[in-house]
Amino acid sequence: MRWSHYLVQLSVCAGALLVPFVAQAASEDDPWEVINRPVFTFNDTLDTYALKPLAQGYQFITPQFVEDGVHNFFRNIGDVGNLANNVLQLKPHAAGVDTARLLMNTTFGVLGFIDVGTKMGLQRSDEDFGQTLGYWGVGSGPYVMLPLLGPSTLRDAPSKYVDSFTEPYGYMHDIPWRNSLMGLDLVDTRASLLSAEKLINGDKYTFIRNAYLQNREFRVKDGKVVDDF
């Protein structure tokens, strides 16, 4: 049960508010809404009564510099996936930046706890296999709300399995240590979204769906806005 993917999608939805164009999610993008809404309600209830309180407690007792370091550590792990997908998208410059970030942050940044790369002007990518498929012309397909994993599409949902190969958890044989690391990753990600979720207004399901779809389109196009007028 990969809660962290669901929380990343919430982060994506919050970030979509900053996208400099409006991509209206028409009803044809969500033909399975009658199924998606109950799944969303399940996810949201579980988050409200279990995960969110844990994240609030974590943020309350953790010094800010420690919280920042932990967050940077997991972002450094995520750069492995960014690198892999930039290679698959044949983006040598972006892949080079990802490589430099990994080397600098893992060594001089003490396994990524200090984000040396950003301080050096190495901008972080945010890529996944779903974006790679979109980059090569695979359509997104209908919107899907996955149990525990959150908002996705018919293209992006199976891509999550491919993305898992760039994460360390599947290669860790010490089960208690692996589960502890996954749990910390989960709580850290949720804590980082506590302020962003205040931006959600109106019907929560519709807001997250529309924000997710427009943000995915923006990311697949690498921020290139297509003017329809």
C-alpha atoms as a PDB file:
ATOM      1  CA  MET A   1       0.000   0.000   0.000  1.00  0.00           C
ATOM      2  CA  ARG A   2       1.942   2.962  -1.298  1.00  0.00           C
ATOM      3  CA  TRP A   3       0.451   5.910   0.596  1.00  0.00           C
ATOM      4  CA  SER A   4       3.352   8.092  -0.471  1.00  0.00           C
ATOM      5  CA  HIS A   5       2.141   8.042  -4.077  1.00  0.00           C
ATOM      6  CA  TYR A   6      -1.259   9.331  -2.974  1.00  0.00           C
ATOM      7  CA  LEU A   7       0.362  12.161  -1.059  1.00  0.00           C
ATOM      8  CA  VAL A   8       2.573  13.086  -3.928  1.00  0.00           C
ATOM      9  CA  GLN A   9      -0.564  13.418  -6.028  1.00  0.00           C
ATOM     10  CA  LEU A  10      -2.041  15.750  -3.406  1.00  0.00           C
ATOM     11  CA  SER A  11       1.114  17.817  -3.676  1.00  0.00           C
ATOM     12  CA  VAL A  12       0.719  17.860  -7.433  1.00  0.00           C
ATOM     13  CA  CYS A  13      -2.839  19.087  -7.077  1.00  0.00           C
ATOM     14  CA  ALA A  14      -1.808  21.923  -4.799  1.00  0.00           C
ATOM     15  CA  GLY A  15       0.999  22.837  -7.163  1.00  0.00           C
ATOM     16  CA  ALA A  16      -1.429  22.932 -10.052  1.00  0.00           C
ATOM     17  CA  LEU A  17      -2.796  26.197  -8.704  1.00  0.00           C
ATOM     18  CA  LEU A  18       0.428  27.801  -9.885  1.00  0.00           C
ATOM     19  CA  VAL A  19       0.149  26.512 -13.459  1.00  0.00           C
ATOM     20  CA  PRO A  20      -0.140  29.566 -15.744  1.00  0.00           C
ATOM     21  CA  PHE A  21      -2.996  28.250 -17.821  1.00  0.00           C
ATOM     22  CA  VAL A  22      -6.456  26.821 -17.247  1.00  0.00           C
ATOM     23  CA  ALA A  23      -7.178  23.313 -18.479  1.00  0.00           C
ATOM     24  CA  GLN A  24     -10.812  22.571 -17.788  1.00  0.00           C
ATOM     25  CA  ALA A  25     -11.413  18.922 -16.965  1.00  0.00           C
ATOM     26  CA  ALA A  26     -14.533  18.063 -18.931  1.00  0.00           C
ATOM     27  CA  SER A  27     -16.864  15.280 -17.932  1.00  0.00           C
ATOM     28  CA  GLU A  28     -15.453  13.016 -20.650  1.00  0.00           C
ATOM     29  CA  ASP A  29     -12.152  12.952 -18.747  1.00  0.00           C
ATOM     30  CA  ASP A  30     -13.902  11.231 -15.834  1.00  0.00           C
ATOM     31  CA  PRO A  31     -16.353   8.666 -17.238  1.00  0.00           C
ATOM     32  CA  TRP A  32     -15.895   6.487 -14.142  1.00  0.00           C
ATOM     33  CA  GLU A  33     -16.840   9.174 -11.619  1.00  0.00           C
ATOM     34  CA  VAL A  34     -19.549   6.981 -10.115  1.00  0.00           C
ATOM     35  CA  ILE A  35     -16.779   4.595  -9.002  1.00  0.00           C
ATOM     36  CA  ASN A  36     -14.062   7.169  -8.422  1.00  0.00           C
ATOM     37  CA  ARG A  37     -16.004   9.254  -5.902  1.00  0.00           C
ATOM     38  CA  PRO A  38     -16.556   6.458  -3.337  1.00  0.00           C
ATOM     39  CA  VAL A  39     -12.888   5.487  -3.628  1.00  0.00           C
ATOM     40  CA  PHE A  40     -11.920   9.115  -3.049  1.00  0.00           C
ATOM     41  CA  THR A  41     -14.162   9.251   0.027  1.00  0.00           C
ATOM     42  CA  PHE A  42     -12.456   6.137   1.397  1.00  0.00           C
ATOM     43  CA  ASN A  43      -8.992   7.609   0.807  1.00  0.00           C
ATOM     44  CA  ASP A  44      -9.932  10.968   2.280  1.00  0.00           C
ATOM     45  CA  THR A  45     -11.487   9.436   5.398  1.00  0.00           C
ATOM     46  CA  LEU A  46      -8.437   7.279   6.026  1.00  0.00           C
ATOM     47  CA  ASP A  47      -6.200  10.301   5.610  1.00  0.00           C
ATOM     48  CA  THR A  48      -8.318  12.528   7.865  1.00  0.00           C
ATOM     49  CA  TYR A  49      -8.456  10.122  10.805  1.00  0.00           C
ATOM     50  CA  ALA A  50      -5.105   8.337  10.508  1.00  0.00           C
ATOM     51  CA  LEU A  51      -2.405   9.907   8.410  1.00  0.00           C
ATOM     52  CA  LYS A  52      -3.051  13.605   8.881  1.00  0.00           C
ATOM     53  CA  PRO A  53      -2.949  13.417  12.716  1.00  0.00           C
ATOM     54  CA  LEU A  54       0.333  11.491  12.486  1.00  0.00           C
ATOM     55  CA  ALA A  55       1.790  14.154  10.216  1.00  0.00           C
ATOM     56  CA  GLN A  56       0.640  16.942  12.518  1.00  0.00           C
ATOM     57  CA  GLY A  57       2.237  15.228  15.501  1.00  0.00           C
ATOM     58  CA  TYR A  58       5.462  14.652  13.571  1.00  0.00           C
ATOM     59  CA  GLN A  59       5.621  18.305  12.560  1.00  0.00           C
ATOM     60  CA  PHE A  60       4.889  19.451  16.106  1.00  0.00           C
ATOM     61  CA  ILE A  61       7.711  17.501  17.774  1.00  0.00           C
ATOM     62  CA  THR A  62      10.338  17.660  15.007  1.00  0.00           C
ATOM     63  CA  PRO A  63      12.721  20.651  14.840  1.00  0.00           C
ATOM     64  CA  GLN A  64      12.449  22.472  11.520  1.00  0.00           C
ATOM     65  CA  PHE A  65      16.044  21.783  10.485  1.00  0.00           C
ATOM     66  CA  VAL A  66      15.544  18.046  11.093  1.00  0.00           C
ATOM     67  CA  GLU A  67      12.286  18.042   9.153  1.00  0.00           C
ATOM     68  CA  ASP A  68      13.984  19.865   6.268  1.00  0.00           C
ATOM     69  CA  GLY A  69      16.863  17.381   6.289  1.00  0.00           C
ATOM     70  CA  VAL A  70      14.564  14.358   6.221  1.00  0.00           C
ATOM     71  CA  HIS A  71      12.565  15.900   3.385  1.00  0.00           C
ATOM     72  CA  ASN A  72      15.745  16.577   1.413  1.00  0.00           C
ATOM     73  CA  PHE A  73      16.886  12.988   2.002  1.00  0.00           C
ATOM     74  CA  PHE A  74      13.774  11.527   0.394  1.00  0.00           C
ATOM     75  CA  ARG A  75      13.882  14.044  -2.453  1.00  0.00           C
ATOM     76  CA  ASN A  76      17.430  12.890  -3.141  1.00  0.00           C
ATOM     77  CA  ILE A  77      16.170   9.310  -3.428  1.00  0.00           C
ATOM     78  CA  GLY A  78      13.525  10.568  -5.842  1.00  0.00           C
ATOM     79  CA  ASP A  79      16.202  12.029  -8.095  1.00  0.00           C
ATOM     80  CA  VAL A  80      17.057   8.465  -9.173  1.00  0.00           C
ATOM     81  CA  GLY A  81      13.654   8.193 -10.836  1.00  0.00           C
ATOM     82  CA  ASN A  82      14.010  11.658 -12.320  1.00  0.00           C
ATOM     83  CA  LEU A  83      17.320  10.648 -13.875  1.00  0.00           C
ATOM     84  CA  ALA A  84      15.971   7.379 -15.275  1.00  0.00           C
ATOM     85  CA  ASN A  85      12.990   9.046 -16.920  1.00  0.00           C
ATOM     86  CA  ASN A  86      15.003  11.929 -18.346  1.00  0.00           C
ATOM     87  CA  VAL A  87      17.244   9.304 -19.966  1.00  0.00           C
ATOM     88  CA  LEU A  88      14.182   7.525 -21.376  1.00  0.00           C
ATOM     89  CA  GLN A  89      12.917  10.857 -22.713  1.00  0.00           C
ATOM     90  CA  LEU A  90      16.295  11.489 -24.387  1.00  0.00           C
ATOM     91  CA  LYS A  91      16.947  14.677 -22.429  1.00  0.00           C
ATOM     92  CA  PRO A  92      20.726  14.628 -21.949  1.00  0.00           C
ATOM     93  CA  HIS A  93      20.981  18.029 -20.280  1.00  0.00           C
ATOM     94  CA  ALA A  94      18.283  17.267 -17.694  1.00  0.00           C
ATOM     95  CA  ALA A  95      19.789  13.821 -17.088  1.00  0.00           C
ATOM     96  CA  GLY A  96      23.180  15.432 -16.562  1.00  0.00           C
ATOM     97  CA  VAL A  97      21.729  17.837 -14.017  1.00  0.00           C
ATOM     98  CA  ASP A  98      20.040  14.934 -12.214  1.00  0.00           C
ATOM     99  CA  THR A  99      23.340  13.060 -12.109  1.00  0.00           C
ATOM    100  CA  ALA A 100      25.183  16.078 -10.744  1.00  0.00           C
ATOM    101  CA  ARG A 101      22.507  16.601  -8.098  1.00  0.00           C
ATOM    102  CA  LEU A 102      22.723  12.980  -6.989  1.00  0.00           C
ATOM    103  CA  LEU A 103      26.506  13.091  -6.745  1.00  0.00           C
ATOM    104  CA  MET A 104      26.672  16.425  -4.928  1.00  0.00           C
ATOM    105  CA  ASN A 105      23.787  15.791  -2.538  1.00  0.00           C
ATOM    106  CA  THR A 106      24.750  12.204  -1.712  1.00  0.00           C
ATOM    107  CA  THR A 107      28.371  13.092  -0.966  1.00  0.00           C
ATOM    108  CA  PHE A 108      28.713  16.714   0.124  1.00  0.00           C
ATOM    109  CA  GLY A 109      25.064  16.833   1.199  1.00  0.00           C
ATOM    110  CA  VAL A 110      25.435  13.858   3.573  1.00  0.00           C
ATOM    111  CA  LEU A 111      23.160  11.381   1.762  1.00  0.00           C
ATOM    112  CA  GLY A 112      20.925  14.226   0.663  1.00  0.00           C
ATOM    113  CA  PHE A 113      20.077  15.727   4.051  1.00  0.00           C
ATOM    114  CA  ILE A 114      21.512  18.996   2.728  1.00  0.00           C
ATOM    115  CA  ASP A 115      20.349  20.069  -0.727  1.00  0.00           C
ATOM    116  CA  VAL A 116      23.709  21.207  -2.062  1.00  0.00           C
ATOM    117  CA  GLY A 117      22.554  20.835  -5.662  1.00  0.00           C
ATOM    118  CA  THR A 118      19.870  23.484  -5.425  1.00  0.00           C
ATOM    119  CA  LYS A 119      22.274  25.882  -3.729  1.00  0.00           C
ATOM    120  CA  MET A 120      24.595  25.368  -6.721  1.00  0.00           C
ATOM    121  CA  GLY A 121      21.824  26.225  -9.173  1.00  0.00           C
ATOM    122  CA  LEU A 122      21.089  22.645 -10.238  1.00  0.00           C
ATOM    123  CA  GLN A 123      17.330  22.708 -10.748  1.00  0.00           C
ATOM    124  CA  ARG A 124      15.485  19.581  -9.677  1.00  0.00           C
ATOM    125  CA  SER A 125      13.427  17.661 -12.239  1.00  0.00           C
ATOM    126  CA  ASP A 126      10.115  16.012 -11.428  1.00  0.00           C
ATOM    127  CA  GLU A 127       9.665  13.085 -13.792  1.00  0.00           C
ATOM    128  CA  ASP A 128       7.985   9.684 -13.689  1.00  0.00           C
ATOM    129  CA  PHE A 129       7.221   6.904 -16.141  1.00  0.00           C
ATOM    130  CA  GLY A 130       3.698   8.187 -16.776  1.00  0.00           C
ATOM    131  CA  GLN A 131       5.205  11.454 -17.983  1.00  0.00           C
ATOM    132  CA  THR A 132       7.672   9.513 -20.106  1.00  0.00           C
ATOM    133  CA  LEU A 133       4.818   7.677 -21.830  1.00  0.00           C
ATOM    134  CA  GLY A 134       3.038  10.992 -22.344  1.00  0.00           C
ATOM    135  CA  TYR A 135       6.214  12.517 -23.750  1.00  0.00           C
ATOM    136  CA  TRP A 136       6.281   9.805 -26.421  1.00  0.00           C
ATOM    137  CA  GLY A 137       2.654  10.376 -27.347  1.00  0.00           C
ATOM    138  CA  VAL A 138       0.685   7.957 -25.175  1.00  0.00           C
ATOM    139  CA  GLY A 139      -2.642   9.543 -24.247  1.00  0.00           C
ATOM    140  CA  SER A 140      -3.649   9.872 -20.612  1.00  0.00           C
ATOM    141  CA  GLY A 141      -6.910   7.970 -20.898  1.00  0.00           C
ATOM    142  CA  PRO A 142      -9.757   8.320 -18.374  1.00  0.00           C
ATOM    143  CA  TYR A 143      -9.234   9.677 -14.871  1.00  0.00           C
ATOM    144  CA  VAL A 144      -8.935   7.003 -12.176  1.00  0.00           C
ATOM    145  CA  MET A 145      -9.053   7.305  -8.385  1.00  0.00           C
ATOM    146  CA  LEU A 146      -7.005   4.438  -6.971  1.00  0.00           C
ATOM    147  CA  PRO A 147      -7.549   3.036  -3.450  1.00  0.00           C
ATOM    148  CA  LEU A 148      -4.769   4.400  -1.198  1.00  0.00           C
ATOM    149  CA  LEU A 149      -2.733   5.596  -4.200  1.00  0.00           C
ATOM    150  CA  GLY A 150      -5.017   8.494  -5.092  1.00  0.00           C
ATOM    151  CA  PRO A 151      -5.603  10.349  -8.371  1.00  0.00           C
ATOM    152  CA  SER A 152      -4.258   8.845 -11.573  1.00  0.00           C
ATOM    153  CA  THR A 153      -5.202   8.024 -15.158  1.00  0.00           C
ATOM    154  CA  LEU A 154      -5.367   4.863 -17.214  1.00  0.00           C
ATOM    155  CA  ARG A 155      -1.873   5.682 -18.509  1.00  0.00           C
ATOM    156  CA  ASP A 156      -0.316   6.736 -15.212  1.00  0.00           C
ATOM    157  CA  ALA A 157      -1.723   3.984 -12.962  1.00  0.00           C
ATOM    158  CA  PRO A 158       0.316   1.025 -14.330  1.00  0.00           C
ATOM    159  CA  SER A 159       3.326   3.337 -14.644  1.00  0.00           C
ATOM    160  CA  LYS A 160       3.548   3.451 -10.858  1.00  0.00           C
ATOM    161  CA  TYR A 161       4.771  -0.153 -10.924  1.00  0.00           C
ATOM    162  CA  VAL A 162       7.608   0.785 -13.270  1.00  0.00           C
ATOM    163  CA  ASP A 163       8.505   3.752 -11.054  1.00  0.00           C
ATOM    164  CA  SER A 164       8.844   1.417  -8.066  1.00  0.00           C
ATOM    165  CA  PHE A 165      12.011  -0.067  -9.577  1.00  0.00           C
ATOM    166  CA  THR A 166      13.806   3.264  -9.095  1.00  0.00           C
ATOM    167  CA  GLU A 167      12.968   3.307  -5.381  1.00  0.00           C
ATOM    168  CA  PRO A 168      15.157   1.569  -2.780  1.00  0.00           C
ATOM    169  CA  TYR A 169      12.422  -0.179  -0.814  1.00  0.00           C
ATOM    170  CA  GLY A 170      12.106  -3.212  -3.066  1.00  0.00           C
ATOM    171  CA  TYR A 171      15.817  -3.907  -2.710  1.00  0.00           C
ATOM    172  CA  MET A 172      15.934  -3.771   1.095  1.00  0.00           C
ATOM    173  CA  HIS A 173      15.995  -7.184   2.799  1.00  0.00           C
ATOM    174  CA  ASP A 174      15.753  -5.890   6.371  1.00  0.00           C
ATOM    175  CA  ILE A 175      11.961  -5.736   6.638  1.00  0.00           C
ATOM    176  CA  PRO A 176      11.679  -3.681   9.878  1.00  0.00           C
ATOM    177  CA  TRP A 177      14.189  -1.124   8.568  1.00  0.00           C
ATOM    178  CA  ARG A 178      12.446  -0.986   5.189  1.00  0.00           C
ATOM    179  CA  ASN A 179       9.027  -0.483   6.756  1.00  0.00           C
ATOM    180  CA  SER A 180      10.364   2.200   9.092  1.00  0.00           C
ATOM    181  CA  LEU A 181      11.896   4.087   6.187  1.00  0.00           C
ATOM    182  CA  MET A 182       8.699   3.818   4.158  1.00  0.00           C
ATOM    183  CA  GLY A 183       6.679   5.028   7.130  1.00  0.00           C
ATOM    184  CA  LEU A 184       8.942   8.020   7.647  1.00  0.00           C
ATOM    185  CA  ASP A 185       8.747   8.823   3.940  1.00  0.00           C
ATOM    186  CA  LEU A 186       4.976   8.710   4.151  1.00  0.00           C
ATOM    187  CA  VAL A 187       4.674  10.914   7.229  1.00  0.00           C
ATOM    188  CA  ASP A 188       7.254  13.396   5.934  1.00  0.00           C
ATOM    189  CA  THR A 189       5.406  13.759   2.642  1.00  0.00           C
ATOM    190  CA  ARG A 190       2.071  14.268   4.386  1.00  0.00           C
ATOM    191  CA  ALA A 191       3.564  16.831   6.773  1.00  0.00           C
ATOM    192  CA  SER A 192       4.894  18.845   3.849  1.00  0.00           C
ATOM    193  CA  LEU A 193       1.331  19.145   2.499  1.00  0.00           C
ATOM    194  CA  LEU A 194      -0.398  20.394   5.640  1.00  0.00           C
ATOM    195  CA  SER A 195      -0.259  24.017   4.544  1.00  0.00           C
ATOM    196  CA  ALA A 196      -0.923  23.332   0.848  1.00  0.00           C
ATOM    197  CA  GLU A 197      -4.222  21.545   1.492  1.00  0.00           C
ATOM    198  CA  LYS A 198      -5.711  24.824   2.739  1.00  0.00           C
ATOM    199  CA  LEU A 199      -5.798  25.953  -0.891  1.00  0.00           C
ATOM    200  CA  ILE A 200      -8.455  23.366  -1.734  1.00  0.00           C
ATOM    201  CA  ASN A 201     -11.916  24.893  -2.048  1.00  0.00           C
ATOM    202  CA  GLY A 202     -15.337  23.896  -3.331  1.00  0.00           C
ATOM    203  CA  ASP A 203     -16.051  20.254  -4.079  1.00  0.00           C
ATOM    204  CA  LYS A 204     -12.864  18.507  -2.982  1.00  0.00           C
ATOM    205  CA  TYR A 205     -13.168  15.625  -5.422  1.00  0.00           C
ATOM    206  CA  THR A 206     -13.673  17.921  -8.419  1.00  0.00           C
ATOM    207  CA  PHE A 207     -10.894  20.262  -7.320  1.00  0.00           C
ATOM    208  CA  ILE A 208      -8.342  17.466  -6.999  1.00  0.00           C
ATOM    209  CA  ARG A 209      -9.400  15.831 -10.260  1.00  0.00           C
ATOM    210  CA  ASN A 210      -9.185  19.047 -12.292  1.00  0.00           C
ATOM    211  CA  ALA A 211      -5.937  20.130 -10.658  1.00  0.00           C
ATOM    212  CA  TYR A 212      -4.360  16.719 -11.184  1.00  0.00           C
ATOM    213  CA  LEU A 213      -5.297  16.527 -14.859  1.00  0.00           C
ATOM    214  CA  GLN A 214      -4.128  20.032 -15.728  1.00  0.00           C
ATOM    215  CA  ASN A 215      -0.898  19.577 -13.788  1.00  0.00           C
ATOM    216  CA  ARG A 216      -0.114  16.288 -15.514  1.00  0.00           C
ATOM    217  CA  GLU A 217      -0.654  17.905 -18.901  1.00  0.00           C
ATOM    218  CA  PHE A 218       1.613  20.779 -17.881  1.00  0.00           C
ATOM    219  CA  ARG A 219       4.355  18.410 -16.736  1.00  0.00           C
ATOM    220  CA  VAL A 220       4.179  16.141 -19.779  1.00  0.00           C
ATOM    221  CA  LYS A 221       4.611  19.233 -21.970  1.00  0.00           C
ATOM    222  CA  ASP A 222       7.493  20.431 -19.764  1.00  0.00           C
ATOM    223  CA  GLY A 223       5.636  23.628 -18.989  1.00  0.00           C
ATOM    224  CA  LYS A 224       5.109  24.569 -22.611  1.00  0.00           C
ATOM    225  CA  VAL A 225       1.730  26.249 -22.865  1.00  0.00           C
ATOM    226  CA  VAL A 226      -0.260  25.713 -26.040  1.00  0.00           C
ATOM    227  CA  ASP A 227      -2.417  28.751 -26.830  1.00  0.00           C
ATOM    228  CA  ASP A 228      -5.752  27.665 -28.260  1.00  0.00           C
ATOM    229  CA  PHE A 229      -6.602  31.148 -29.480  1.00  0.00           C
END
